[in-house]
N, C-alpha and C. Protein backbone atom coordinates (compact mmCIF):
# COMPACT_ATOMS: atom_id res chain seq x y z
N MET A 1 -23.10 17.41 -3.44
CA MET A 1 -22.96 15.88 -3.94
C MET A 1 -21.61 15.82 -4.70
N LEU A 2 -21.18 14.68 -4.38
CA LEU A 2 -19.68 14.20 -4.79
C LEU A 2 -19.89 13.29 -6.07
N SER A 3 -18.92 13.50 -7.06
CA SER A 3 -18.85 12.67 -8.33
C SER A 3 -17.31 12.28 -8.53
N LYS A 4 -16.89 11.55 -9.66
CA LYS A 4 -15.55 11.28 -9.76
C LYS A 4 -15.32 11.45 -11.11
N VAL A 5 -14.02 11.86 -11.48
CA VAL A 5 -13.45 12.05 -12.88
C VAL A 5 -13.35 10.65 -13.55
N THR A 6 -13.70 10.57 -14.79
CA THR A 6 -13.43 9.28 -15.63
C THR A 6 -12.32 9.32 -16.65
N PHE A 7 -11.38 8.51 -16.81
CA PHE A 7 -10.44 8.55 -17.84
C PHE A 7 -10.49 7.30 -18.75
N PRO A 8 -10.08 7.32 -19.96
CA PRO A 8 -9.33 8.74 -20.50
C PRO A 8 -10.37 9.95 -20.62
N ASN A 9 -9.85 11.18 -20.80
CA ASN A 9 -10.58 12.27 -21.04
C ASN A 9 -9.56 13.25 -22.01
N PRO A 10 -10.35 14.31 -22.40
CA PRO A 10 -9.45 15.31 -23.17
C PRO A 10 -8.45 16.36 -22.40
N PHE A 11 -8.46 16.13 -21.05
CA PHE A 11 -7.79 17.21 -20.44
C PHE A 11 -6.27 17.00 -20.12
N GLY A 12 -5.66 16.22 -20.94
CA GLY A 12 -4.19 16.00 -20.75
C GLY A 12 -3.45 16.89 -21.74
N PHE A 13 -2.20 16.42 -22.14
CA PHE A 13 -1.45 17.33 -23.07
C PHE A 13 -1.44 16.42 -24.22
N PRO A 14 -0.84 17.02 -25.36
CA PRO A 14 -0.61 16.49 -26.77
C PRO A 14 0.06 15.15 -26.70
N LYS A 15 -0.37 14.28 -27.42
CA LYS A 15 0.05 12.68 -27.37
C LYS A 15 1.42 12.62 -27.78
N SER A 16 2.19 11.83 -27.02
CA SER A 16 3.43 11.18 -27.56
C SER A 16 3.24 9.94 -28.45
N THR A 17 4.63 9.55 -29.00
CA THR A 17 4.50 8.32 -29.93
C THR A 17 4.54 7.15 -28.83
N LYS A 18 4.25 5.90 -29.25
CA LYS A 18 4.76 4.78 -28.55
C LYS A 18 6.00 4.49 -28.25
N GLU A 19 6.73 4.71 -29.28
CA GLU A 19 8.27 4.50 -29.20
C GLU A 19 8.71 5.44 -28.28
N GLU A 20 8.36 6.69 -28.10
CA GLU A 20 9.02 7.59 -27.09
C GLU A 20 8.67 7.15 -25.63
N ILE A 21 7.43 6.67 -25.69
CA ILE A 21 6.87 6.27 -24.22
C ILE A 21 7.73 4.90 -23.92
N GLN A 22 7.81 3.99 -24.66
CA GLN A 22 8.63 2.72 -24.49
C GLN A 22 10.04 2.99 -24.08
N SER A 23 10.50 4.08 -24.82
CA SER A 23 11.99 4.58 -24.35
C SER A 23 11.98 5.08 -22.95
N LEU A 24 11.06 5.76 -22.69
CA LEU A 24 11.11 6.33 -21.31
C LEU A 24 10.62 5.30 -20.31
N GLN A 25 9.85 4.21 -20.62
CA GLN A 25 9.60 3.23 -19.60
C GLN A 25 10.95 2.40 -19.33
N LYS A 26 11.67 2.21 -20.38
CA LYS A 26 13.04 1.47 -20.38
C LYS A 26 14.06 2.14 -19.49
N LYS A 27 14.09 3.56 -19.46
CA LYS A 27 14.83 4.47 -18.66
C LYS A 27 14.46 4.46 -17.18
N TYR A 28 13.36 4.49 -16.92
CA TYR A 28 12.57 4.79 -15.64
C TYR A 28 12.13 3.56 -14.96
N ASN A 29 11.59 2.45 -15.56
CA ASN A 29 11.03 1.32 -15.26
C ASN A 29 9.66 1.37 -14.58
N PHE A 30 8.93 2.51 -15.00
CA PHE A 30 7.70 2.53 -14.58
C PHE A 30 6.60 1.49 -15.24
N SER A 31 5.50 1.26 -14.82
CA SER A 31 4.65 0.14 -15.12
C SER A 31 4.10 0.27 -16.49
N ASP A 32 3.47 -0.81 -16.83
CA ASP A 32 2.81 -0.89 -18.33
C ASP A 32 1.63 -0.07 -18.16
N GLU A 33 1.10 0.04 -17.10
CA GLU A 33 -0.38 0.52 -16.80
C GLU A 33 0.01 2.09 -16.72
N TYR A 34 1.22 2.59 -16.36
CA TYR A 34 1.43 4.06 -16.58
C TYR A 34 1.83 4.25 -17.89
N ALA A 35 2.46 3.56 -18.59
CA ALA A 35 2.82 3.68 -20.03
C ALA A 35 1.50 3.92 -20.83
N THR A 36 0.52 2.88 -20.44
CA THR A 36 -0.83 3.09 -21.37
C THR A 36 -1.40 4.54 -21.02
N PHE A 37 -1.28 4.80 -19.73
CA PHE A 37 -1.86 6.31 -19.34
C PHE A 37 -1.15 7.37 -20.11
N LEU A 38 -0.09 7.27 -20.28
CA LEU A 38 0.77 8.18 -21.26
C LEU A 38 0.45 8.28 -22.64
N LEU A 39 0.17 7.15 -23.01
CA LEU A 39 -0.13 6.82 -24.42
C LEU A 39 -1.64 7.54 -24.66
N GLU A 40 -2.58 7.09 -23.62
CA GLU A 40 -3.92 7.23 -23.96
C GLU A 40 -4.45 8.69 -23.44
N GLN A 41 -3.85 9.12 -22.41
CA GLN A 41 -4.07 10.33 -21.65
C GLN A 41 -3.14 11.40 -21.56
N ASN A 42 -1.86 10.96 -21.13
CA ASN A 42 -0.82 11.94 -21.08
C ASN A 42 -0.91 13.19 -20.19
N GLY A 43 -1.16 12.73 -18.77
CA GLY A 43 -1.41 14.02 -17.74
C GLY A 43 -2.72 14.30 -17.54
N PHE A 44 -2.79 15.16 -16.67
CA PHE A 44 -4.43 15.68 -16.46
C PHE A 44 -4.34 17.05 -15.90
N ASN A 45 -4.93 18.01 -16.36
CA ASN A 45 -4.82 19.38 -15.98
C ASN A 45 -6.30 19.80 -15.53
N ASP A 46 -6.45 19.86 -14.11
CA ASP A 46 -7.73 20.11 -13.47
C ASP A 46 -8.24 21.41 -13.95
N LEU A 47 -7.55 22.71 -14.26
CA LEU A 47 -7.98 23.82 -14.68
C LEU A 47 -8.51 23.97 -15.93
N LEU A 48 -7.99 23.03 -16.80
CA LEU A 48 -8.78 22.80 -18.40
C LEU A 48 -10.07 22.11 -17.94
N PHE A 49 -9.89 20.99 -16.92
CA PHE A 49 -11.24 20.32 -16.78
C PHE A 49 -12.27 21.08 -16.13
N PHE A 50 -12.09 21.90 -15.31
CA PHE A 50 -13.14 22.68 -14.79
C PHE A 50 -13.66 23.92 -15.70
N ASP A 51 -12.77 24.48 -16.73
CA ASP A 51 -13.20 25.20 -17.62
C ASP A 51 -14.04 24.85 -18.79
N ALA A 52 -14.04 23.55 -18.73
CA ALA A 52 -14.78 22.89 -19.89
C ALA A 52 -16.19 22.53 -19.45
N ASP A 53 -16.94 21.79 -20.38
CA ASP A 53 -18.15 21.03 -20.09
C ASP A 53 -17.67 19.66 -19.79
N TYR A 54 -17.38 19.40 -18.31
CA TYR A 54 -16.85 18.09 -18.03
C TYR A 54 -17.61 17.20 -17.71
N ASN A 55 -19.06 17.51 -17.54
CA ASN A 55 -19.96 16.51 -17.15
C ASN A 55 -20.15 15.14 -17.66
N ASN A 56 -19.54 15.15 -18.93
CA ASN A 56 -19.59 13.64 -19.80
C ASN A 56 -18.39 12.85 -19.32
N PHE A 57 -17.50 13.49 -18.51
CA PHE A 57 -16.29 12.85 -18.06
C PHE A 57 -16.27 12.67 -16.50
N THR A 58 -17.45 12.41 -16.01
CA THR A 58 -17.76 12.14 -14.70
C THR A 58 -18.57 10.88 -14.27
N ALA A 59 -18.48 10.29 -13.16
CA ALA A 59 -19.44 9.30 -12.84
C ALA A 59 -19.84 9.47 -11.19
N ASN A 60 -20.98 8.79 -11.11
CA ASN A 60 -21.51 8.94 -9.57
C ASN A 60 -20.41 8.49 -8.54
N TYR A 61 -20.35 9.18 -7.45
CA TYR A 61 -19.50 8.74 -6.31
C TYR A 61 -20.30 8.72 -5.11
N THR A 62 -20.41 7.61 -4.20
CA THR A 62 -21.23 7.67 -3.22
C THR A 62 -20.54 7.36 -1.88
N GLY A 63 -19.09 7.46 -1.88
CA GLY A 63 -18.29 6.98 -0.75
C GLY A 63 -17.94 8.40 0.10
N GLU A 64 -17.01 8.27 1.16
CA GLU A 64 -16.77 9.14 1.96
C GLU A 64 -16.00 10.35 1.20
N GLU A 65 -15.88 11.37 2.02
CA GLU A 65 -15.23 12.71 0.91
C GLU A 65 -13.84 12.32 1.32
N PRO A 66 -12.83 12.44 0.35
CA PRO A 66 -11.38 12.51 0.75
C PRO A 66 -10.88 13.62 1.35
N TRP A 67 -9.71 13.75 1.59
CA TRP A 67 -9.20 14.97 2.36
C TRP A 67 -7.85 15.41 1.45
N GLN A 68 -7.24 14.61 0.70
CA GLN A 68 -5.90 14.84 -0.06
C GLN A 68 -6.28 15.73 -1.25
N MET A 69 -5.81 16.80 -1.23
CA MET A 69 -5.88 17.85 -2.29
C MET A 69 -5.08 17.39 -3.68
N PHE A 70 -5.62 17.63 -4.91
CA PHE A 70 -4.98 17.54 -6.27
C PHE A 70 -4.37 18.76 -6.69
N GLY A 71 -3.08 18.37 -7.27
CA GLY A 71 -2.77 19.75 -8.24
C GLY A 71 -2.39 19.33 -9.64
N GLY A 72 -2.16 18.34 -10.08
CA GLY A 72 -1.95 17.86 -11.44
C GLY A 72 -1.30 16.69 -11.52
N LEU A 73 -1.62 15.97 -12.75
CA LEU A 73 -0.73 14.81 -13.13
C LEU A 73 0.07 15.28 -14.33
N TYR A 74 1.27 15.03 -14.20
CA TYR A 74 2.34 15.20 -15.12
C TYR A 74 2.16 14.63 -16.53
N GLY A 75 2.65 15.11 -17.64
CA GLY A 75 2.59 14.67 -18.91
C GLY A 75 3.68 14.98 -19.78
N LEU A 76 4.01 14.41 -20.91
CA LEU A 76 4.91 14.82 -21.90
C LEU A 76 4.18 16.12 -22.83
N ASN A 77 5.16 16.79 -23.44
CA ASN A 77 4.64 17.82 -24.35
C ASN A 77 3.83 18.70 -23.76
N SER A 78 4.09 19.16 -22.30
CA SER A 78 3.52 20.00 -21.71
C SER A 78 4.34 21.65 -21.98
N ASP A 79 3.24 22.66 -21.86
CA ASP A 79 4.00 23.97 -22.19
C ASP A 79 4.10 24.51 -21.02
N SER A 80 4.18 23.86 -19.52
CA SER A 80 4.35 24.21 -18.51
C SER A 80 5.56 23.45 -17.74
N ASP A 81 6.36 24.09 -17.04
CA ASP A 81 7.14 23.37 -16.26
C ASP A 81 6.41 22.55 -15.06
N TYR A 82 5.42 23.09 -14.59
CA TYR A 82 4.67 22.56 -13.43
C TYR A 82 3.88 21.34 -13.94
N TYR A 83 3.71 20.93 -15.17
CA TYR A 83 3.09 19.84 -15.48
C TYR A 83 4.07 18.93 -16.29
N ASP A 84 5.37 19.18 -16.58
CA ASP A 84 6.04 18.53 -17.37
C ASP A 84 6.63 17.19 -16.54
N LEU A 85 6.53 16.18 -17.18
CA LEU A 85 6.94 14.70 -16.55
C LEU A 85 8.56 14.73 -16.42
N ILE A 86 9.12 15.07 -17.46
CA ILE A 86 10.75 14.89 -17.51
C ILE A 86 11.21 15.85 -16.68
N GLU A 87 10.72 17.22 -16.77
CA GLU A 87 11.32 18.10 -15.41
C GLU A 87 11.06 17.69 -14.24
N ALA A 88 9.96 16.93 -13.98
CA ALA A 88 9.76 16.43 -12.45
C ALA A 88 10.76 15.61 -11.90
N GLN A 89 11.19 14.70 -13.05
CA GLN A 89 12.28 13.60 -12.56
C GLN A 89 13.48 14.03 -12.44
N THR A 90 13.82 15.36 -12.75
CA THR A 90 15.12 16.23 -12.77
C THR A 90 15.38 16.41 -11.25
N TYR A 91 14.30 16.67 -10.47
CA TYR A 91 14.90 17.06 -9.03
C TYR A 91 14.10 15.95 -8.21
N THR A 92 14.86 15.07 -7.97
CA THR A 92 14.71 13.79 -7.03
C THR A 92 15.67 13.23 -6.37
N ILE A 93 15.52 12.89 -5.09
CA ILE A 93 16.46 12.17 -4.48
C ILE A 93 16.15 10.62 -4.34
N PHE A 94 15.04 10.48 -4.84
CA PHE A 94 14.45 9.06 -4.78
C PHE A 94 14.46 8.18 -6.12
N GLU A 95 15.46 8.57 -7.13
CA GLU A 95 15.62 7.95 -8.41
C GLU A 95 15.66 6.18 -8.30
N SER A 96 15.06 5.63 -9.12
CA SER A 96 14.91 4.26 -9.13
C SER A 96 14.09 3.74 -7.80
N ILE A 97 13.62 4.34 -7.02
CA ILE A 97 12.75 4.11 -5.91
C ILE A 97 11.23 4.60 -6.18
N PHE A 98 11.12 5.90 -6.37
CA PHE A 98 9.74 6.46 -6.87
C PHE A 98 9.86 7.30 -8.16
N PHE A 99 8.61 7.05 -9.07
CA PHE A 99 8.54 7.85 -10.21
C PHE A 99 7.68 8.87 -10.06
N LYS A 100 7.85 10.14 -10.19
CA LYS A 100 6.90 11.18 -9.93
C LYS A 100 5.75 11.32 -11.00
N ILE A 101 4.54 11.09 -10.56
CA ILE A 101 3.47 11.21 -11.54
C ILE A 101 2.71 12.48 -11.47
N GLY A 102 2.77 13.08 -10.33
CA GLY A 102 1.80 14.18 -10.05
C GLY A 102 1.99 15.00 -8.85
N THR A 103 1.43 15.92 -8.52
CA THR A 103 1.43 16.80 -7.12
C THR A 103 0.37 17.39 -6.51
N ASP A 104 0.40 17.61 -5.57
CA ASP A 104 -0.81 18.44 -4.77
C ASP A 104 -0.45 19.77 -4.88
N PRO A 105 -1.11 20.64 -4.46
CA PRO A 105 -1.01 22.11 -4.30
C PRO A 105 0.11 22.66 -3.62
N GLY A 106 0.45 21.68 -2.64
CA GLY A 106 1.58 22.20 -1.52
C GLY A 106 2.64 21.63 -1.96
N GLY A 107 2.84 20.73 -3.01
CA GLY A 107 4.07 20.33 -3.50
C GLY A 107 4.44 18.87 -2.89
N ASN A 108 3.55 18.16 -2.20
CA ASN A 108 3.76 16.81 -2.06
C ASN A 108 3.40 16.06 -3.27
N GLU A 109 4.14 15.01 -3.64
CA GLU A 109 4.03 14.38 -4.94
C GLU A 109 3.32 13.05 -5.03
N PHE A 110 2.66 12.95 -5.93
CA PHE A 110 2.05 11.64 -6.30
C PHE A 110 3.12 10.83 -7.00
N VAL A 111 3.28 9.42 -6.53
CA VAL A 111 4.52 8.81 -7.05
C VAL A 111 4.01 7.22 -7.46
N GLU A 112 4.77 6.64 -8.23
CA GLU A 112 4.62 5.20 -8.50
C GLU A 112 5.73 4.45 -7.82
N VAL A 113 5.44 3.49 -7.00
CA VAL A 113 6.45 2.75 -6.41
C VAL A 113 7.19 1.98 -7.35
N LEU A 114 8.53 1.80 -7.58
CA LEU A 114 9.52 1.07 -8.60
C LEU A 114 9.96 0.05 -8.07
N GLN A 115 10.13 -0.44 -6.49
CA GLN A 115 10.66 -1.57 -6.15
C GLN A 115 9.79 -2.35 -5.16
N GLY A 116 10.15 -3.62 -5.13
CA GLY A 116 9.89 -4.13 -3.83
C GLY A 116 8.28 -4.86 -3.95
N ASP A 117 7.83 -5.39 -3.04
CA ASP A 117 6.31 -5.94 -3.03
C ASP A 117 5.34 -5.19 -3.57
N LYS A 118 5.40 -3.76 -3.37
CA LYS A 118 4.56 -2.71 -3.87
C LYS A 118 4.71 -2.04 -5.08
N LYS A 119 5.56 -2.60 -5.92
CA LYS A 119 5.83 -2.13 -7.13
C LYS A 119 4.89 -1.79 -7.98
N GLY A 120 4.35 -0.66 -8.58
CA GLY A 120 3.18 -0.28 -9.25
C GLY A 120 2.21 0.25 -8.34
N TRP A 121 2.29 0.49 -7.09
CA TRP A 121 1.45 1.02 -6.25
C TRP A 121 1.44 2.70 -6.15
N ILE A 122 0.55 3.38 -6.10
CA ILE A 122 0.38 4.89 -6.08
C ILE A 122 -0.02 5.27 -4.88
N GLY A 123 0.92 6.35 -4.46
CA GLY A 123 1.02 6.97 -3.20
C GLY A 123 1.30 8.49 -3.34
N CYS A 124 1.35 9.19 -2.31
CA CYS A 124 1.63 10.48 -2.10
C CYS A 124 2.66 10.55 -0.80
N ILE A 125 4.07 11.24 -1.35
CA ILE A 125 4.97 11.45 -0.21
C ILE A 125 4.87 12.82 0.28
N ASP A 126 5.22 13.01 1.50
CA ASP A 126 5.37 13.97 2.30
C ASP A 126 6.67 14.82 1.89
N HIS A 127 6.70 15.93 1.13
CA HIS A 127 7.62 16.55 0.67
C HIS A 127 8.47 17.28 1.89
N ASP A 128 7.82 17.55 2.92
CA ASP A 128 8.46 18.25 4.17
C ASP A 128 9.49 17.20 4.79
N LEU A 129 9.52 16.02 4.60
CA LEU A 129 10.37 15.08 4.91
C LEU A 129 11.74 15.19 4.58
N TYR A 130 11.82 15.55 3.16
CA TYR A 130 13.02 15.29 2.45
C TYR A 130 13.38 16.58 1.56
N ILE A 131 12.71 17.59 1.44
CA ILE A 131 12.97 18.58 0.55
C ILE A 131 14.30 19.31 0.79
N THR A 132 14.67 19.51 2.14
CA THR A 132 16.07 20.12 2.13
C THR A 132 17.28 19.33 1.85
N TYR A 133 17.17 18.19 1.34
CA TYR A 133 18.37 17.19 1.05
C TYR A 133 18.66 17.09 -0.18
N ASN A 134 19.87 17.32 -0.76
CA ASN A 134 20.18 17.22 -2.05
C ASN A 134 20.57 15.92 -2.67
N THR A 135 20.76 14.93 -1.67
CA THR A 135 21.18 13.63 -2.02
C THR A 135 20.41 12.61 -1.16
N LEU A 136 20.15 11.17 -1.68
CA LEU A 136 19.52 10.20 -0.84
C LEU A 136 20.39 9.90 0.41
N SER A 137 21.82 9.90 0.16
CA SER A 137 22.57 9.63 1.24
C SER A 137 22.54 10.45 2.25
N SER A 138 22.60 11.78 2.15
CA SER A 138 22.22 12.79 3.20
C SER A 138 21.22 12.90 3.87
N PHE A 139 20.04 12.36 3.22
CA PHE A 139 18.69 12.18 3.82
C PHE A 139 18.62 11.06 4.82
N LEU A 140 19.30 9.87 4.21
CA LEU A 140 19.21 8.66 5.03
C LEU A 140 20.12 8.92 6.37
N GLU A 141 21.34 9.75 6.16
CA GLU A 141 21.98 9.78 7.23
C GLU A 141 21.44 10.51 8.39
N GLU A 142 20.73 11.68 8.00
CA GLU A 142 19.91 12.44 9.12
C GLU A 142 18.76 11.43 9.59
N VAL A 143 18.04 10.68 8.66
CA VAL A 143 17.26 9.72 9.44
C VAL A 143 17.86 8.91 10.50
N GLU A 144 18.77 8.32 10.08
CA GLU A 144 19.51 7.46 11.09
C GLU A 144 19.90 8.34 12.33
N GLU A 145 20.24 9.57 12.43
CA GLU A 145 20.64 10.45 13.64
C GLU A 145 19.30 10.60 14.23
N GLU A 146 18.20 10.70 13.59
CA GLU A 146 17.01 11.13 14.39
C GLU A 146 16.22 10.17 14.75
N THR A 147 16.43 8.75 14.38
CA THR A 147 15.46 7.53 14.48
C THR A 147 16.19 6.40 14.80
N ASP A 148 15.48 5.37 14.84
CA ASP A 148 15.98 4.06 15.30
C ASP A 148 16.33 3.35 14.23
N PHE A 149 16.15 3.94 12.77
CA PHE A 149 16.52 3.05 11.58
C PHE A 149 18.28 3.25 11.67
N LYS A 150 18.88 2.07 11.30
CA LYS A 150 20.15 2.04 11.05
C LYS A 150 20.70 1.44 9.98
N ASP A 151 22.06 1.75 9.22
CA ASP A 151 22.59 1.12 8.35
C ASP A 151 21.62 1.22 6.91
N LEU A 152 20.86 2.36 6.79
CA LEU A 152 20.00 2.36 5.64
C LEU A 152 20.73 2.36 4.27
N ASN A 153 21.95 3.11 4.18
CA ASN A 153 22.88 3.11 3.02
C ASN A 153 23.16 1.71 2.64
N GLN A 154 23.33 0.84 3.42
CA GLN A 154 23.68 -0.54 3.17
C GLN A 154 22.75 -1.41 2.57
N LEU A 155 21.35 -0.97 2.69
CA LEU A 155 20.48 -1.69 2.10
C LEU A 155 20.26 -1.97 0.51
N SER A 156 19.62 -2.87 -0.08
CA SER A 156 19.25 -3.00 -1.38
C SER A 156 18.02 -1.90 -1.67
N LEU A 157 18.07 -1.65 -3.04
CA LEU A 157 17.00 -0.60 -3.34
C LEU A 157 15.50 -1.33 -2.72
N GLU A 158 15.25 -2.59 -2.93
CA GLU A 158 14.03 -3.14 -2.46
C GLU A 158 13.81 -3.16 -1.01
N GLU A 159 14.74 -3.37 -0.21
CA GLU A 159 14.86 -3.36 1.15
C GLU A 159 14.52 -1.93 1.66
N LEU A 160 15.29 -0.96 0.98
CA LEU A 160 15.09 0.43 1.34
C LEU A 160 13.88 0.97 1.05
N THR A 161 13.33 0.64 -0.06
CA THR A 161 11.87 1.04 -0.38
C THR A 161 10.78 0.53 0.65
N GLU A 162 11.01 -0.83 1.01
CA GLU A 162 10.19 -1.12 1.83
C GLU A 162 10.02 -0.27 3.23
N ILE A 163 11.28 0.09 3.55
CA ILE A 163 11.10 1.03 4.88
C ILE A 163 10.56 2.20 4.39
N LEU A 164 10.93 2.78 3.40
CA LEU A 164 10.51 4.35 3.18
C LEU A 164 8.79 4.44 3.02
N ILE A 165 8.43 3.24 2.47
CA ILE A 165 6.82 3.29 2.30
C ILE A 165 5.96 2.82 3.28
N SER A 166 6.80 2.36 4.44
CA SER A 166 6.22 1.60 5.62
C SER A 166 5.47 2.72 6.63
N GLU A 167 4.37 2.36 7.08
CA GLU A 167 3.58 2.97 8.10
C GLU A 167 4.34 3.64 8.86
N ASP A 168 5.42 2.97 9.80
CA ASP A 168 6.25 3.37 10.67
C ASP A 168 7.11 4.65 10.31
N PHE A 169 7.71 4.61 8.91
CA PHE A 169 8.56 5.73 8.36
C PHE A 169 7.68 6.82 8.36
N GLY A 170 6.36 6.90 8.00
CA GLY A 170 5.49 7.96 7.81
C GLY A 170 5.52 8.96 6.86
N MET A 171 6.07 8.47 5.37
CA MET A 171 6.32 9.44 4.56
C MET A 171 5.16 9.26 3.47
N MET A 172 4.84 7.95 3.29
CA MET A 172 4.04 7.72 2.16
C MET A 172 2.60 7.60 2.68
N ASN A 173 1.43 8.05 1.93
CA ASN A 173 0.21 7.71 1.99
C ASN A 173 -0.38 7.23 0.88
N PHE A 174 -0.69 5.94 0.82
CA PHE A 174 -1.19 5.20 -0.36
C PHE A 174 -2.50 5.55 -1.12
N HIS A 175 -2.69 5.31 -2.32
CA HIS A 175 -4.09 5.70 -2.80
C HIS A 175 -4.66 4.60 -3.54
N ALA A 176 -3.57 3.97 -4.18
CA ALA A 176 -4.37 2.72 -4.93
C ALA A 176 -3.11 1.83 -5.16
N LYS A 177 -3.56 0.50 -5.61
CA LYS A 177 -2.59 -0.57 -5.73
C LYS A 177 -1.98 -0.79 -7.25
N SER A 178 -2.42 0.13 -8.04
CA SER A 178 -2.07 0.33 -9.54
C SER A 178 -2.50 1.46 -10.21
N MET A 179 -1.95 1.96 -11.23
CA MET A 179 -2.35 3.10 -11.97
C MET A 179 -3.73 3.06 -12.27
N ASN A 180 -3.93 1.88 -12.93
CA ASN A 180 -5.57 1.88 -13.34
C ASN A 180 -6.58 2.12 -12.15
N GLU A 181 -6.34 1.53 -11.08
CA GLU A 181 -7.02 1.55 -9.86
C GLU A 181 -6.99 3.27 -9.64
N PHE A 182 -6.13 3.76 -9.55
CA PHE A 182 -5.91 5.02 -9.12
C PHE A 182 -6.78 5.93 -10.19
N LEU A 183 -6.72 5.85 -11.37
CA LEU A 183 -7.43 6.57 -12.19
C LEU A 183 -8.89 6.13 -12.12
N ALA A 184 -9.61 4.93 -11.73
CA ALA A 184 -10.87 4.54 -11.87
C ALA A 184 -11.65 4.83 -10.69
N ASN A 185 -10.71 5.08 -9.40
CA ASN A 185 -11.44 4.99 -8.26
C ASN A 185 -10.98 6.48 -7.44
N CYS A 186 -10.15 7.22 -7.53
CA CYS A 186 -9.58 8.21 -6.80
C CYS A 186 -9.72 9.86 -7.07
N PHE A 187 -10.14 9.94 -8.12
CA PHE A 187 -10.24 11.66 -8.36
C PHE A 187 -11.64 12.08 -8.07
N ILE A 188 -12.08 12.57 -7.03
CA ILE A 188 -13.32 12.86 -6.35
C ILE A 188 -13.50 14.35 -6.47
N ILE A 189 -14.76 14.82 -7.32
CA ILE A 189 -15.03 16.04 -7.66
C ILE A 189 -15.95 16.61 -6.33
N LYS A 190 -15.45 17.82 -5.84
CA LYS A 190 -16.40 18.60 -4.70
C LYS A 190 -16.24 19.89 -5.24
N ASN A 191 -17.44 20.36 -5.85
CA ASN A 191 -17.59 21.67 -6.28
C ASN A 191 -16.51 21.93 -7.15
N GLN A 192 -15.65 23.01 -7.33
CA GLN A 192 -14.56 22.96 -8.45
C GLN A 192 -13.28 22.74 -7.73
N THR A 193 -13.43 21.71 -7.26
CA THR A 193 -11.99 20.92 -6.45
C THR A 193 -12.08 19.43 -6.91
N ILE A 194 -10.78 18.94 -6.88
CA ILE A 194 -10.44 17.49 -7.03
C ILE A 194 -9.87 17.24 -5.78
N LEU A 195 -10.39 16.04 -5.10
CA LEU A 195 -9.81 15.48 -4.10
C LEU A 195 -9.39 13.95 -4.36
N ILE A 196 -8.32 13.58 -3.68
CA ILE A 196 -7.70 12.26 -4.16
C ILE A 196 -8.10 11.30 -3.02
N LYS A 197 -8.75 10.31 -3.31
CA LYS A 197 -9.15 9.22 -2.39
C LYS A 197 -8.03 8.17 -1.83
N ASP A 198 -8.14 7.83 -0.59
CA ASP A 198 -7.15 7.18 -0.13
C ASP A 198 -7.31 5.60 -0.50
N LEU A 199 -6.28 4.73 -0.20
CA LEU A 199 -6.67 3.35 -0.37
C LEU A 199 -7.33 2.77 0.85
N GLU A 200 -8.47 2.16 0.53
CA GLU A 200 -9.15 1.67 1.61
C GLU A 200 -8.60 0.57 2.15
N ALA A 201 -8.45 0.23 3.45
CA ALA A 201 -7.92 -0.79 4.29
C ALA A 201 -8.94 -2.03 4.02
N LYS A 202 -8.12 -3.04 3.95
CA LYS A 202 -8.71 -4.58 3.63
C LYS A 202 -8.79 -5.27 4.88
């Protein structure tokens, strides 16, 4: 029988101040919904969740079983680099395009889109496509050599984002149209595992 995690719950990290979160939002341009998540929840550690009496933080789920594995949601004031939100932003070639919010066990990262028509949407990006590149420019140059995409370095951030998240590009799998929707609908419990639900096609 499947169920889903409810938020907020006690399985995040020690809370930060509103002023600290506002400062980070100004720097990284993440959504108001994600800022509220940091203020009220601040990450999510599924190991703590399953070690506790978590039934009071679940709800019934009757949909299809997802396939996407879950590793953790980053937070501030974490005592582990694995869960540390600021540490996660240090290693990215997609600054100002995606904001990292979590990871799956294989290192694919859950992100919030920062540009374009899908700003605020939540998805997971396939790290195998970019992990060997140190800069966005080198990644885009290789993409141009291997595909029909051209002049990617000449595009605005909004235009480039639209390509990177497109179905044709094949790097992004969407889970929700907002952080609130992500938290409300996507964390599905199967035995002692959390799976992340995909965005339903409309």
